[in-house]
Protein backbone atom coordinates (compact mmCIF):
# COMPACT_ATOMS: atom_id res chain seq x y z
CA MET A 1 -7.28 -1.46 12.58
CA VAL A 2 -7.89 -0.55 8.69
CA LEU A 3 -5.57 -2.32 6.21
CA ALA A 4 -4.69 -0.61 2.91
CA SER A 5 -6.40 -2.78 0.40
CA HIS A 6 -4.49 -3.98 -2.86
CA TYR A 7 -6.08 -1.31 -4.64
CA ILE A 8 -4.09 1.44 -2.61
CA PHE A 9 -0.81 -0.64 -3.46
CA MET A 10 -1.78 -0.92 -7.16
CA ASP A 11 -2.44 3.09 -7.05
CA VAL A 12 1.00 3.70 -5.58
CA LEU A 13 2.63 1.10 -7.96
CA SER A 14 0.97 2.82 -11.02
CA LEU A 15 2.17 6.22 -10.04
CA LEU A 16 5.71 4.66 -9.44
CA GLU A 17 5.92 3.04 -12.90
CA ARG A 18 4.79 6.00 -14.65
CA ASN A 19 7.55 8.14 -12.95
CA ARG A 20 4.94 10.66 -11.63
CA THR A 21 6.92 11.81 -8.41
CA GLU A 22 5.33 14.91 -7.85
CA ARG A 23 2.06 13.09 -7.40
CA LEU A 24 3.30 9.79 -6.08
CA GLU A 25 4.55 12.06 -2.93
CA GLU A 26 1.12 13.49 -2.40
CA VAL A 27 -0.44 10.26 -2.83
CA CYS A 28 1.83 8.61 -0.58
CA THR A 29 1.73 11.37 2.33
CA GLY A 30 -2.29 11.15 2.09
CA TYR A 31 -2.48 7.24 2.13
CA SER A 32 0.26 7.25 4.82
CA LYS A 33 -2.29 9.56 7.01
CA ARG A 34 -5.41 7.39 6.32
CA TYR A 35 -3.58 4.13 7.04
CA SER A 36 -1.22 5.20 9.82
CA ASP A 37 -2.09 1.59 11.75
CA ASP A 38 -0.63 -0.60 8.78
CA ASP A 39 2.76 -1.14 9.62
CA GLU A 40 3.47 -2.98 6.12
CA PHE A 41 2.06 -0.16 4.38
CA GLN A 42 4.03 2.49 6.44
CA GLU A 43 7.04 0.90 6.04
CA LEU A 44 6.89 0.67 2.01
CA ILE A 45 5.76 4.49 1.94
CA SER A 46 8.44 5.68 4.18
CA LEU A 47 10.76 3.65 1.75
CA ILE A 48 8.97 5.51 -1.16
CA LEU A 49 9.46 8.82 0.49
CA VAL A 50 12.93 8.88 1.41
CA ALA A 51 13.77 7.80 -1.95
CA LEU A 52 11.92 10.46 -3.51
CA GLU A 53 13.54 13.17 -1.14
CA ASN A 54 17.16 11.77 -2.05
CA ASN A 55 16.03 11.66 -5.78
CA ASN A 56 17.00 7.92 -5.62
CA ASN A 57 15.54 6.07 -8.60
CA GLY A 58 17.31 3.12 -8.13
CA VAL A 59 15.78 2.50 -4.62
CA LEU A 60 12.37 3.20 -6.16
CA ASP A 61 12.76 0.44 -8.91
CA GLU A 62 13.98 -2.17 -5.91
CA LEU A 63 10.64 -1.22 -4.48
CA LYS A 64 8.44 -2.37 -7.16
CA PRO A 65 8.57 -5.94 -6.70
CA LYS A 66 7.83 -5.48 -3.09
CA ILE A 67 5.02 -3.55 -3.83
CA ARG A 68 3.75 -6.61 -6.26
CA ASP A 69 4.16 -8.91 -3.66
CA ALA A 70 2.12 -6.74 -1.06
CA ILE A 71 -0.73 -6.44 -4.00
CA ALA A 72 -0.83 -10.27 -4.07
CA SER A 73 -0.89 -10.63 -0.60
CA ARG A 74 -3.47 -7.81 0.38
CA ARG A 75 -5.48 -8.98 -2.13
CA ILE A 76 -6.27 -12.45 -0.26
CA GLU A 77 -6.17 -10.72 3.05
CA THR A 78 -8.67 -8.44 2.20
CA ALA A 79 -10.88 -10.81 0.32
CA GLY A 80 -11.61 -13.22 3.07
CA GLY A 81 -10.01 -14.75 6.06
CA THR A 82 -9.37 -13.63 9.63
CA LYS A 83 -8.44 -10.25 8.54
CA LEU A 84 -11.69 -9.43 6.60
CA TRP A 85 -13.05 -6.17 7.50
CA PHE A 86 -16.57 -7.19 7.85
CA LYS A 87 -15.70 -10.93 9.49
CA ASN A 88 -18.97 -10.78 11.70
CA ARG A 89 -21.49 -10.04 9.21
CA ARG A 90 -21.19 -13.64 7.99
CA ALA A 91 -21.69 -15.05 11.37
CA SER A 92 -24.76 -12.97 12.24
CA GLN A 93 -26.37 -14.26 8.83
CA ARG A 94 -26.83 -17.75 10.01
């Protein structure tokens, strides 16, 4: 299972903060296909896409803190620990 890194969340947040809704929809759809196994990411993306479809800027503003929290947690998760993508490479170098 491949997790979306914090850079992906930062990209989505950047588009959201700049109100680039057309591009945001394209990017979210593309990332959704790429990271289909990442449940947390899929949940946020689906909320964004529904809000864009309904033209609900209030919901989009409410999602910004959740995305910032996801950025912080993913920065840690993908930097090391048990969810490290290449966790076996360290064990093989001993």
